[in-house]
Amino acid sequence: LAMKKGMMGEAPGGGFSLVAIITKVFTSPYVFLGLALYGLSAILWLYVLSKIELSYAYPLVSISYIVVLLGSYFLFQESISWPRLLGIACICLGVIFISRS
């Protein structure tokens, strides 16, 4: 979500040229925040893998789909269609089934 926020709007220099996009990547604090959070999540994921069975831990990663969907709705006013809601419901049910096994 932070990287999306950092890449929104027109790139410095205008347009969508590769140079303009790269410039935006290296000048946006949100992109840096997103990359830092991504790195932190990788470290936490390695910790989780050292403590929990992979077949239990990996499906729980799908919770991020729910977080991104809600974040996109509230932060970026993106629409949520019925098929997306149905998909999220299926993900939630799957995570519940896995967590109870």
PDB file of N, CA and C in Angstrom:
ATOM      1  N   LEU A   1       0.819  -1.193   0.000  1.00  0.00           N
ATOM      2  CA  LEU A   1       0.000   0.000   0.000  1.00  0.00           C
ATOM      3  C   LEU A   1       0.863   1.257   0.000  1.00  0.00           C
ATOM      4  N   ALA A   2       1.971   1.211   0.756  1.00  0.00           N
ATOM      5  CA  ALA A   2       2.859   2.374   0.795  1.00  0.00           C
ATOM      6  C   ALA A   2       3.529   2.586  -0.554  1.00  0.00           C
ATOM      7  N   MET A   3       3.944   1.496  -1.209  1.00  0.00           N
ATOM      8  CA  MET A   3       4.575   1.648  -2.529  1.00  0.00           C
ATOM      9  C   MET A   3       3.578   2.182  -3.549  1.00  0.00           C
ATOM     10  N   LYS A   4       2.330   1.740  -3.484  1.00  0.00           N
ATOM     11  CA  LYS A   4       1.290   2.254  -4.374  1.00  0.00           C
ATOM     12  C   LYS A   4       1.112   3.753  -4.149  1.00  0.00           C
ATOM     13  N   LYS A   5       1.041   4.151  -2.880  1.00  0.00           N
ATOM     14  CA  LYS A   5       0.890   5.573  -2.560  1.00  0.00           C
ATOM     15  C   LYS A   5       2.071   6.368  -3.114  1.00  0.00           C
ATOM     16  N   GLY A   6       3.269   5.814  -2.989  1.00  0.00           N
ATOM     17  CA  GLY A   6       4.458   6.499  -3.472  1.00  0.00           C
ATOM     18  C   GLY A   6       4.528   6.625  -4.981  1.00  0.00           C
ATOM     19  N   MET A   7       3.904   5.724  -5.693  1.00  0.00           N
ATOM     20  CA  MET A   7       3.969   5.741  -7.152  1.00  0.00           C
ATOM     21  C   MET A   7       2.752   6.406  -7.791  1.00  0.00           C
ATOM     22  N   MET A   8       1.829   6.896  -6.980  1.00  0.00           N
ATOM     23  CA  MET A   8       0.648   7.565  -7.531  1.00  0.00           C
ATOM     24  C   MET A   8       1.018   8.948  -8.046  1.00  0.00           C
ATOM     25  N   GLY A   9       0.221   9.425  -8.964  1.00  0.00           N
ATOM     26  CA  GLY A   9       0.451  10.754  -9.513  1.00  0.00           C
ATOM     27  C   GLY A   9       1.489  10.727 -10.608  1.00  0.00           C
ATOM     28  N   GLU A  10       1.737  11.879 -11.152  1.00  0.00           N
ATOM     29  CA  GLU A  10       2.675  11.993 -12.272  1.00  0.00           C
ATOM     30  C   GLU A  10       4.104  11.924 -11.764  1.00  0.00           C
ATOM     31  N   ALA A  11       4.952  11.256 -12.510  1.00  0.00           N
ATOM     32  CA  ALA A  11       6.361  11.144 -12.153  1.00  0.00           C
ATOM     33  C   ALA A  11       7.069  12.469 -12.419  1.00  0.00           C
ATOM     34  N   PRO A  12       8.129  12.770 -11.640  1.00  0.00           N
ATOM     35  CA  PRO A  12       8.894  13.996 -11.912  1.00  0.00           C
ATOM     36  C   PRO A  12       9.382  14.013 -13.357  1.00  0.00           C
ATOM     37  N   GLY A  13       9.273  15.121 -14.006  1.00  0.00           N
ATOM     38  CA  GLY A  13       9.659  15.207 -15.408  1.00  0.00           C
ATOM     39  C   GLY A  13       8.506  14.897 -16.336  1.00  0.00           C
ATOM     40  N   GLY A  14       7.401  14.426 -15.771  1.00  0.00           N
ATOM     41  CA  GLY A  14       6.192  14.164 -16.546  1.00  0.00           C
ATOM     42  C   GLY A  14       6.245  12.859 -17.310  1.00  0.00           C
ATOM     43  N   GLY A  15       5.084  12.391 -17.632  1.00  0.00           N
ATOM     44  CA  GLY A  15       4.962  11.196 -18.458  1.00  0.00           C
ATOM     45  C   GLY A  15       5.282   9.911 -17.715  1.00  0.00           C
ATOM     46  N   PHE A  16       5.407   8.867 -18.497  1.00  0.00           N
ATOM     47  CA  PHE A  16       5.675   7.549 -17.942  1.00  0.00           C
ATOM     48  C   PHE A  16       6.948   6.962 -18.515  1.00  0.00           C
ATOM     49  N   SER A  17       7.920   7.794 -18.781  1.00  0.00           N
ATOM     50  CA  SER A  17       9.186   7.280 -19.289  1.00  0.00           C
ATOM     51  C   SER A  17       9.898   6.525 -18.170  1.00  0.00           C
ATOM     52  N   LEU A  18      10.775   5.648 -18.552  1.00  0.00           N
ATOM     53  CA  LEU A  18      11.517   4.854 -17.577  1.00  0.00           C
ATOM     54  C   LEU A  18      12.308   5.754 -16.634  1.00  0.00           C
ATOM     55  N   VAL A  19      12.920   6.792 -17.152  1.00  0.00           N
ATOM     56  CA  VAL A  19      13.703   7.716 -16.321  1.00  0.00           C
ATOM     57  C   VAL A  19      12.802   8.418 -15.312  1.00  0.00           C
ATOM     58  N   ALA A  20      11.612   8.850 -15.744  1.00  0.00           N
ATOM     59  CA  ALA A  20      10.684   9.531 -14.842  1.00  0.00           C
ATOM     60  C   ALA A  20      10.212   8.600 -13.735  1.00  0.00           C
ATOM     61  N   ILE A  21       9.942   7.364 -14.082  1.00  0.00           N
ATOM     62  CA  ILE A  21       9.481   6.398 -13.085  1.00  0.00           C
ATOM     63  C   ILE A  21      10.602   6.073 -12.102  1.00  0.00           C
ATOM     64  N   ILE A  22      11.809   5.858 -12.600  1.00  0.00           N
ATOM     65  CA  ILE A  22      12.940   5.578 -11.713  1.00  0.00           C
ATOM     66  C   ILE A  22      13.201   6.757 -10.785  1.00  0.00           C
ATOM     67  N   THR A  23      13.081   7.969 -11.319  1.00  0.00           N
ATOM     68  CA  THR A  23      13.251   9.169 -10.493  1.00  0.00           C
ATOM     69  C   THR A  23      12.222   9.185  -9.375  1.00  0.00           C
ATOM     70  N   LYS A  24      11.001   8.845  -9.710  1.00  0.00           N
ATOM     71  CA  LYS A  24       9.936   8.829  -8.701  1.00  0.00           C
ATOM     72  C   LYS A  24      10.222   7.772  -7.635  1.00  0.00           C
ATOM     73  N   VAL A  25      10.705   6.618  -8.052  1.00  0.00           N
ATOM     74  CA  VAL A  25      11.019   5.553  -7.109  1.00  0.00           C
ATOM     75  C   VAL A  25      12.037   6.037  -6.080  1.00  0.00           C
ATOM     76  N   PHE A  26      13.069   6.730  -6.541  1.00  0.00           N
ATOM     77  CA  PHE A  26      14.143   7.137  -5.640  1.00  0.00           C
ATOM     78  C   PHE A  26      13.880   8.448  -4.907  1.00  0.00           C
ATOM     79  N   THR A  27      12.766   9.106  -5.179  1.00  0.00           N
ATOM     80  CA  THR A  27      12.475  10.362  -4.488  1.00  0.00           C
ATOM     81  C   THR A  27      11.232  10.296  -3.610  1.00  0.00           C
ATOM     82  N   SER A  28      10.536   9.196  -3.612  1.00  0.00           N
ATOM     83  CA  SER A  28       9.301   9.085  -2.842  1.00  0.00           C
ATOM     84  C   SER A  28       9.562   8.439  -1.477  1.00  0.00           C
ATOM     85  N   PRO A  29       9.250   9.133  -0.404  1.00  0.00           N
ATOM     86  CA  PRO A  29       9.407   8.519   0.917  1.00  0.00           C
ATOM     87  C   PRO A  29       8.474   7.326   1.121  1.00  0.00           C
ATOM     88  N   TYR A  30       7.325   7.336   0.450  1.00  0.00           N
ATOM     89  CA  TYR A  30       6.408   6.200   0.578  1.00  0.00           C
ATOM     90  C   TYR A  30       6.984   4.935  -0.048  1.00  0.00           C
ATOM     91  N   VAL A  31       7.703   5.095  -1.142  1.00  0.00           N
ATOM     92  CA  VAL A  31       8.337   3.923  -1.759  1.00  0.00           C
ATOM     93  C   VAL A  31       9.392   3.362  -0.811  1.00  0.00           C
ATOM     94  N   PHE A  32      10.179   4.236  -0.205  1.00  0.00           N
ATOM     95  CA  PHE A  32      11.181   3.770   0.751  1.00  0.00           C
ATOM     96  C   PHE A  32      10.527   3.106   1.962  1.00  0.00           C
ATOM     97  N   LEU A  33       9.426   3.678   2.441  1.00  0.00           N
ATOM     98  CA  LEU A  33       8.693   3.066   3.545  1.00  0.00           C
ATOM     99  C   LEU A  33       8.197   1.681   3.147  1.00  0.00           C
ATOM    100  N   GLY A  34       7.627   1.573   1.946  1.00  0.00           N
ATOM    101  CA  GLY A  34       7.145   0.284   1.461  1.00  0.00           C
ATOM    102  C   GLY A  34       8.253  -0.745   1.358  1.00  0.00           C
ATOM    103  N   LEU A  35       9.410  -0.336   0.870  1.00  0.00           N
ATOM    104  CA  LEU A  35      10.545  -1.258   0.764  1.00  0.00           C
ATOM    105  C   LEU A  35      11.049  -1.677   2.143  1.00  0.00           C
ATOM    106  N   ALA A  36      11.071  -0.732   3.093  1.00  0.00           N
ATOM    107  CA  ALA A  36      11.497  -1.061   4.457  1.00  0.00           C
ATOM    108  C   ALA A  36      10.525  -2.047   5.100  1.00  0.00           C
ATOM    109  N   LEU A  37       9.225  -1.820   4.903  1.00  0.00           N
ATOM    110  CA  LEU A  37       8.230  -2.744   5.446  1.00  0.00           C
ATOM    111  C   LEU A  37       8.320  -4.115   4.782  1.00  0.00           C
ATOM    112  N   TYR A  38       8.624  -4.119   3.495  1.00  0.00           N
ATOM    113  CA  TYR A  38       8.803  -5.377   2.772  1.00  0.00           C
ATOM    114  C   TYR A  38       9.982  -6.160   3.354  1.00  0.00           C
ATOM    115  N   GLY A  39      11.082  -5.458   3.622  1.00  0.00           N
ATOM    116  CA  GLY A  39      12.241  -6.101   4.230  1.00  0.00           C
ATOM    117  C   GLY A  39      11.929  -6.633   5.622  1.00  0.00           C
ATOM    118  N   LEU A  40      11.207  -5.840   6.418  1.00  0.00           N
ATOM    119  CA  LEU A  40      10.808  -6.284   7.750  1.00  0.00           C
ATOM    120  C   LEU A  40       9.913  -7.510   7.671  1.00  0.00           C
ATOM    121  N   SER A  41       8.999  -7.515   6.699  1.00  0.00           N
ATOM    122  CA  SER A  41       8.112  -8.672   6.557  1.00  0.00           C
ATOM    123  C   SER A  41       8.899  -9.930   6.187  1.00  0.00           C
ATOM    124  N   ALA A  42       9.956  -9.781   5.400  1.00  0.00           N
ATOM    125  CA  ALA A  42      10.788 -10.938   5.047  1.00  0.00           C
ATOM    126  C   ALA A  42      11.476 -11.500   6.290  1.00  0.00           C
ATOM    127  N   ILE A  43      11.962 -10.611   7.150  1.00  0.00           N
ATOM    128  CA  ILE A  43      12.617 -11.058   8.388  1.00  0.00           C
ATOM    129  C   ILE A  43      11.602 -11.753   9.297  1.00  0.00           C
ATOM    130  N   LEU A  44      10.424 -11.164   9.438  1.00  0.00           N
ATOM    131  CA  LEU A  44       9.386 -11.787  10.265  1.00  0.00           C
ATOM    132  C   LEU A  44       8.940 -13.127   9.687  1.00  0.00           C
ATOM    133  N   TRP A  45       8.875 -13.216   8.363  1.00  0.00           N
ATOM    134  CA  TRP A  45       8.485 -14.469   7.707  1.00  0.00           C
ATOM    135  C   TRP A  45       9.512 -15.562   8.017  1.00  0.00           C
ATOM    136  N   LEU A  46      10.785 -15.222   7.989  1.00  0.00           N
ATOM    137  CA  LEU A  46      11.818 -16.204   8.326  1.00  0.00           C
ATOM    138  C   LEU A  46      11.686 -16.658   9.779  1.00  0.00           C
ATOM    139  N   TYR A  47      11.359 -15.736  10.655  1.00  0.00           N
ATOM    140  CA  TYR A  47      11.136 -16.098  12.058  1.00  0.00           C
ATOM    141  C   TYR A  47       9.953 -17.061  12.180  1.00  0.00           C
ATOM    142  N   VAL A  48       8.843 -16.735  11.509  1.00  0.00           N
ATOM    143  CA  VAL A  48       7.659 -17.601  11.550  1.00  0.00           C
ATOM    144  C   VAL A  48       8.000 -18.992  11.022  1.00  0.00           C
ATOM    145  N   LEU A  49       8.752 -19.046   9.931  1.00  0.00           N
ATOM    146  CA  LEU A  49       9.119 -20.343   9.359  1.00  0.00           C
ATOM    147  C   LEU A  49       9.962 -21.173  10.314  1.00  0.00           C
ATOM    148  N   SER A  50      10.716 -20.516  11.184  1.00  0.00           N
ATOM    149  CA  SER A  50      11.537 -21.257  12.140  1.00  0.00           C
ATOM    150  C   SER A  50      10.708 -21.820  13.291  1.00  0.00           C
ATOM    151  N   LYS A  51       9.485 -21.332  13.457  1.00  0.00           N
ATOM    152  CA  LYS A  51       8.657 -21.726  14.599  1.00  0.00           C
ATOM    153  C   LYS A  51       7.430 -22.551  14.241  1.00  0.00           C
ATOM    154  N   ILE A  52       6.921 -22.411  13.018  1.00  0.00           N
ATOM    155  CA  ILE A  52       5.629 -23.009  12.649  1.00  0.00           C
ATOM    156  C   ILE A  52       5.796 -23.865  11.397  1.00  0.00           C
ATOM    157  N   GLU A  53       4.987 -24.895  11.282  1.00  0.00           N
ATOM    158  CA  GLU A  53       4.994 -25.734  10.083  1.00  0.00           C
ATOM    159  C   GLU A  53       4.618 -24.899   8.862  1.00  0.00           C
ATOM    160  N   LEU A  54       5.305 -25.131   7.761  1.00  0.00           N
ATOM    161  CA  LEU A  54       5.055 -24.377   6.532  1.00  0.00           C
ATOM    162  C   LEU A  54       3.632 -24.575   6.030  1.00  0.00           C
ATOM    163  N   SER A  55       3.119 -25.796   6.125  1.00  0.00           N
ATOM    164  CA  SER A  55       1.768 -26.063   5.634  1.00  0.00           C
ATOM    165  C   SER A  55       0.710 -25.315   6.442  1.00  0.00           C
ATOM    166  N   TYR A  56       1.040 -24.874   7.637  1.00  0.00           N
ATOM    167  CA  TYR A  56       0.131 -24.066   8.447  1.00  0.00           C
ATOM    168  C   TYR A  56       0.376 -22.577   8.212  1.00  0.00           C
ATOM    169  N   ALA A  57       1.630 -22.186   8.145  1.00  0.00           N
ATOM    170  CA  ALA A  57       1.979 -20.761   8.047  1.00  0.00           C
ATOM    171  C   ALA A  57       1.659 -20.172   6.677  1.00  0.00           C
ATOM    172  N   TYR A  58       1.963 -20.899   5.618  1.00  0.00           N
ATOM    173  CA  TYR A  58       1.846 -20.306   4.282  1.00  0.00           C
ATOM    174  C   TYR A  58       0.430 -19.876   3.920  1.00  0.00           C
ATOM    175  N   PRO A  59      -0.585 -20.673   4.193  1.00  0.00           N
ATOM    176  CA  PRO A  59      -1.942 -20.206   3.869  1.00  0.00           C
ATOM    177  C   PRO A  59      -2.328 -18.935   4.619  1.00  0.00           C
ATOM    178  N   LEU A  60      -1.752 -18.696   5.784  1.00  0.00           N
ATOM    179  CA  LEU A  60      -2.075 -17.487   6.532  1.00  0.00           C
ATOM    180  C   LEU A  60      -1.570 -16.227   5.835  1.00  0.00           C
ATOM    181  N   VAL A  61      -0.633 -16.394   4.899  1.00  0.00           N
ATOM    182  CA  VAL A  61      -0.145 -15.261   4.111  1.00  0.00           C
ATOM    183  C   VAL A  61      -1.294 -14.664   3.300  1.00  0.00           C
ATOM    184  N   SER A  62      -2.282 -15.476   2.979  1.00  0.00           N
ATOM    185  CA  SER A  62      -3.404 -14.982   2.175  1.00  0.00           C
ATOM    186  C   SER A  62      -4.214 -13.917   2.901  1.00  0.00           C
ATOM    187  N   ILE A  63      -4.011 -13.765   4.186  1.00  0.00           N
ATOM    188  CA  ILE A  63      -4.677 -12.683   4.920  1.00  0.00           C
ATOM    189  C   ILE A  63      -4.258 -11.340   4.336  1.00  0.00           C
ATOM    190  N   SER A  64      -3.075 -11.279   3.745  1.00  0.00           N
ATOM    191  CA  SER A  64      -2.616 -10.020   3.137  1.00  0.00           C
ATOM    192  C   SER A  64      -3.550  -9.586   2.009  1.00  0.00           C
ATOM    193  N   TYR A  65      -4.202 -10.524   1.328  1.00  0.00           N
ATOM    194  CA  TYR A  65      -5.163 -10.150   0.286  1.00  0.00           C
ATOM    195  C   TYR A  65      -6.302  -9.326   0.879  1.00  0.00           C
ATOM    196  N   ILE A  66      -6.737  -9.709   2.054  1.00  0.00           N
ATOM    197  CA  ILE A  66      -7.820  -9.001   2.719  1.00  0.00           C
ATOM    198  C   ILE A  66      -7.362  -7.607   3.130  1.00  0.00           C
ATOM    199  N   VAL A  67      -6.168  -7.531   3.713  1.00  0.00           N
ATOM    200  CA  VAL A  67      -5.629  -6.243   4.161  1.00  0.00           C
ATOM    201  C   VAL A  67      -5.470  -5.291   2.979  1.00  0.00           C
ATOM    202  N   VAL A  68      -4.937  -5.800   1.862  1.00  0.00           N
ATOM    203  CA  VAL A  68      -4.735  -4.948   0.683  1.00  0.00           C
ATOM    204  C   VAL A  68      -6.071  -4.511   0.098  1.00  0.00           C
ATOM    205  N   LEU A  69      -7.042  -5.407   0.039  1.00  0.00           N
ATOM    206  CA  LEU A  69      -8.357  -5.040  -0.484  1.00  0.00           C
ATOM    207  C   LEU A  69      -8.976  -3.920   0.351  1.00  0.00           C
ATOM    208  N   LEU A  70      -8.946  -4.069   1.671  1.00  0.00           N
ATOM    209  CA  LEU A  70      -9.517  -3.043   2.546  1.00  0.00           C
ATOM    210  C   LEU A  70      -8.704  -1.751   2.486  1.00  0.00           C
ATOM    211  N   GLY A  71      -7.384  -1.865   2.466  1.00  0.00           N
ATOM    212  CA  GLY A  71      -6.543  -0.683   2.353  1.00  0.00           C
ATOM    213  C   GLY A  71      -6.779   0.056   1.054  1.00  0.00           C
ATOM    214  N   SER A  72      -6.928  -0.681  -0.030  1.00  0.00           N
ATOM    215  CA  SER A  72      -7.199  -0.062  -1.328  1.00  0.00           C
ATOM    216  C   SER A  72      -8.529   0.666  -1.324  1.00  0.00           C
ATOM    217  N   TYR A  73      -9.500   0.080  -0.652  1.00  0.00           N
ATOM    218  CA  TYR A  73     -10.816   0.702  -0.583  1.00  0.00           C
ATOM    219  C   TYR A  73     -10.777   1.997   0.237  1.00  0.00           C
ATOM    220  N   PHE A  74     -10.180   1.930   1.424  1.00  0.00           N
ATOM    221  CA  PHE A  74     -10.193   3.081   2.322  1.00  0.00           C
ATOM    222  C   PHE A  74      -9.163   4.145   1.967  1.00  0.00           C
ATOM    223  N   LEU A  75      -7.978   3.745   1.501  1.00  0.00           N
ATOM    224  CA  LEU A  75      -6.929   4.724   1.216  1.00  0.00           C
ATOM    225  C   LEU A  75      -7.006   5.311  -0.189  1.00  0.00           C
ATOM    226  N   PHE A  76      -7.410   4.477  -1.159  1.00  0.00           N
ATOM    227  CA  PHE A  76      -7.373   4.906  -2.560  1.00  0.00           C
ATOM    228  C   PHE A  76      -8.756   4.976  -3.198  1.00  0.00           C
ATOM    229  N   GLN A  77      -9.803   4.733  -2.420  1.00  0.00           N
ATOM    230  CA  GLN A  77     -11.189   4.763  -2.893  1.00  0.00           C
ATOM    231  C   GLN A  77     -11.407   3.846  -4.105  1.00  0.00           C
ATOM    232  N   GLU A  78     -10.718   2.703  -4.112  1.00  0.00           N
ATOM    233  CA  GLU A  78     -10.933   1.724  -5.179  1.00  0.00           C
ATOM    234  C   GLU A  78     -12.244   0.991  -4.907  1.00  0.00           C
ATOM    235  N   SER A  79     -12.908   0.602  -5.973  1.00  0.00           N
ATOM    236  CA  SER A  79     -14.182  -0.095  -5.805  1.00  0.00           C
ATOM    237  C   SER A  79     -13.939  -1.563  -5.465  1.00  0.00           C
ATOM    238  N   ILE A  80     -14.899  -2.123  -4.742  1.00  0.00           N
ATOM    239  CA  ILE A  80     -14.858  -3.549  -4.400  1.00  0.00           C
ATOM    240  C   ILE A  80     -16.085  -4.189  -5.022  1.00  0.00           C
ATOM    241  N   SER A  81     -15.867  -5.029  -6.001  1.00  0.00           N
ATOM    242  CA  SER A  81     -16.982  -5.684  -6.687  1.00  0.00           C
ATOM    243  C   SER A  81     -17.434  -6.922  -5.905  1.00  0.00           C
ATOM    244  N   TRP A  82     -18.617  -7.401  -6.256  1.00  0.00           N
ATOM    245  CA  TRP A  82     -19.136  -8.611  -5.613  1.00  0.00           C
ATOM    246  C   TRP A  82     -18.241  -9.827  -5.841  1.00  0.00           C
ATOM    247  N   PRO A  83     -17.691 -10.025  -7.038  1.00  0.00           N
ATOM    248  CA  PRO A  83     -16.780 -11.162  -7.200  1.00  0.00           C
ATOM    249  C   PRO A  83     -15.548 -11.058  -6.285  1.00  0.00           C
ATOM    250  N   ARG A  84     -15.047  -9.843  -6.072  1.00  0.00           N
ATOM    251  CA  ARG A  84     -13.913  -9.675  -5.153  1.00  0.00           C
ATOM    252  C   ARG A  84     -14.331 -10.025  -3.723  1.00  0.00           C
ATOM    253  N   LEU A  85     -15.514  -9.554  -3.322  1.00  0.00           N
ATOM    254  CA  LEU A  85     -15.989  -9.871  -1.974  1.00  0.00           C
ATOM    255  C   LEU A  85     -16.178 -11.375  -1.793  1.00  0.00           C
ATOM    256  N   LEU A  86     -16.707 -12.029  -2.820  1.00  0.00           N
ATOM    257  CA  LEU A  86     -16.875 -13.476  -2.757  1.00  0.00           C
ATOM    258  C   LEU A  86     -15.515 -14.166  -2.636  1.00  0.00           C
ATOM    259  N   GLY A  87     -14.554 -13.695  -3.391  1.00  0.00           N
ATOM    260  CA  GLY A  87     -13.205 -14.253  -3.307  1.00  0.00           C
ATOM    261  C   GLY A  87     -12.594 -14.083  -1.926  1.00  0.00           C
ATOM    262  N   ILE A  88     -12.779 -12.892  -1.349  1.00  0.00           N
ATOM    263  CA  ILE A  88     -12.271 -12.637   0.001  1.00  0.00           C
ATOM    264  C   ILE A  88     -12.965 -13.544   1.013  1.00  0.00           C
ATOM    265  N   ALA A  89     -14.255 -13.761   0.838  1.00  0.00           N
ATOM    266  CA  ALA A  89     -14.992 -14.660   1.738  1.00  0.00           C
ATOM    267  C   ALA A  89     -14.426 -16.075   1.650  1.00  0.00           C
ATOM    268  N   CYS A  90     -14.119 -16.524   0.441  1.00  0.00           N
ATOM    269  CA  CYS A  90     -13.525 -17.856   0.271  1.00  0.00           C
ATOM    270  C   CYS A  90     -12.161 -17.932   0.961  1.00  0.00           C
ATOM    271  N   ILE A  91     -11.377 -16.873   0.833  1.00  0.00           N
ATOM    272  CA  ILE A  91     -10.068 -16.840   1.488  1.00  0.00           C
ATOM    273  C   ILE A  91     -10.239 -16.914   3.007  1.00  0.00           C
ATOM    274  N   CYS A  92     -11.172 -16.137   3.534  1.00  0.00           N
ATOM    275  CA  CYS A  92     -11.417 -16.146   4.981  1.00  0.00           C
ATOM    276  C   CYS A  92     -11.820 -17.543   5.459  1.00  0.00           C
ATOM    277  N   LEU A  93     -12.721 -18.167   4.727  1.00  0.00           N
ATOM    278  CA  LEU A  93     -13.142 -19.531   5.102  1.00  0.00           C
ATOM    279  C   LEU A  93     -11.965 -20.498   5.050  1.00  0.00           C
ATOM    280  N   GLY A  94     -11.138 -20.370   4.041  1.00  0.00           N
ATOM    281  CA  GLY A  94      -9.968 -21.241   3.936  1.00  0.00           C
ATOM    282  C   GLY A  94      -9.013 -21.048   5.096  1.00  0.00           C
ATOM    283  N   VAL A  95      -8.777 -19.811   5.473  1.00  0.00           N
ATOM    284  CA  VAL A  95      -7.877 -19.535   6.603  1.00  0.00           C
ATOM    285  C   VAL A  95      -8.482 -20.087   7.897  1.00  0.00           C
ATOM    286  N   ILE A  96      -9.795 -19.957   8.059  1.00  0.00           N
ATOM    287  CA  ILE A  96     -10.450 -20.514   9.261  1.00  0.00           C
ATOM    288  C   ILE A  96     -10.286 -22.022   9.299  1.00  0.00           C
ATOM    289  N   PHE A  97     -10.526 -22.700   8.178  1.00  0.00           N
ATOM    290  CA  PHE A  97     -10.379 -24.156   8.133  1.00  0.00           C
ATOM    291  C   PHE A  97      -8.956 -24.578   8.465  1.00  0.00           C
ATOM    292  N   ILE A  98      -7.998 -23.885   7.912  1.00  0.00           N
ATOM    293  CA  ILE A  98      -6.600 -24.239   8.152  1.00  0.00           C
ATOM    294  C   ILE A  98      -6.211 -23.993   9.606  1.00  0.00           C
ATOM    295  N   SER A  99      -6.671 -22.875  10.159  1.00  0.00           N
ATOM    296  CA  SER A  99      -6.286 -22.543  11.524  1.00  0.00           C
ATOM    297  C   SER A  99      -6.872 -23.523  12.548  1.00  0.00           C
ATOM    298  N   ARG A 100      -7.942 -24.194  12.199  1.00  0.00           N
ATOM    299  CA  ARG A 100      -8.565 -25.148  13.109  1.00  0.00           C
ATOM    300  C   ARG A 100      -8.027 -26.571  12.943  1.00  0.00           C
ATOM    301  N   SER A 101      -7.145 -26.764  11.982  1.00  0.00           N
ATOM    302  CA  SER A 101      -6.631 -28.124  11.770  1.00  0.00           C
ATOM    303  C   SER A 101      -5.440 -28.414  12.649  1.00  0.00           C
TER     304      SER A 101
END
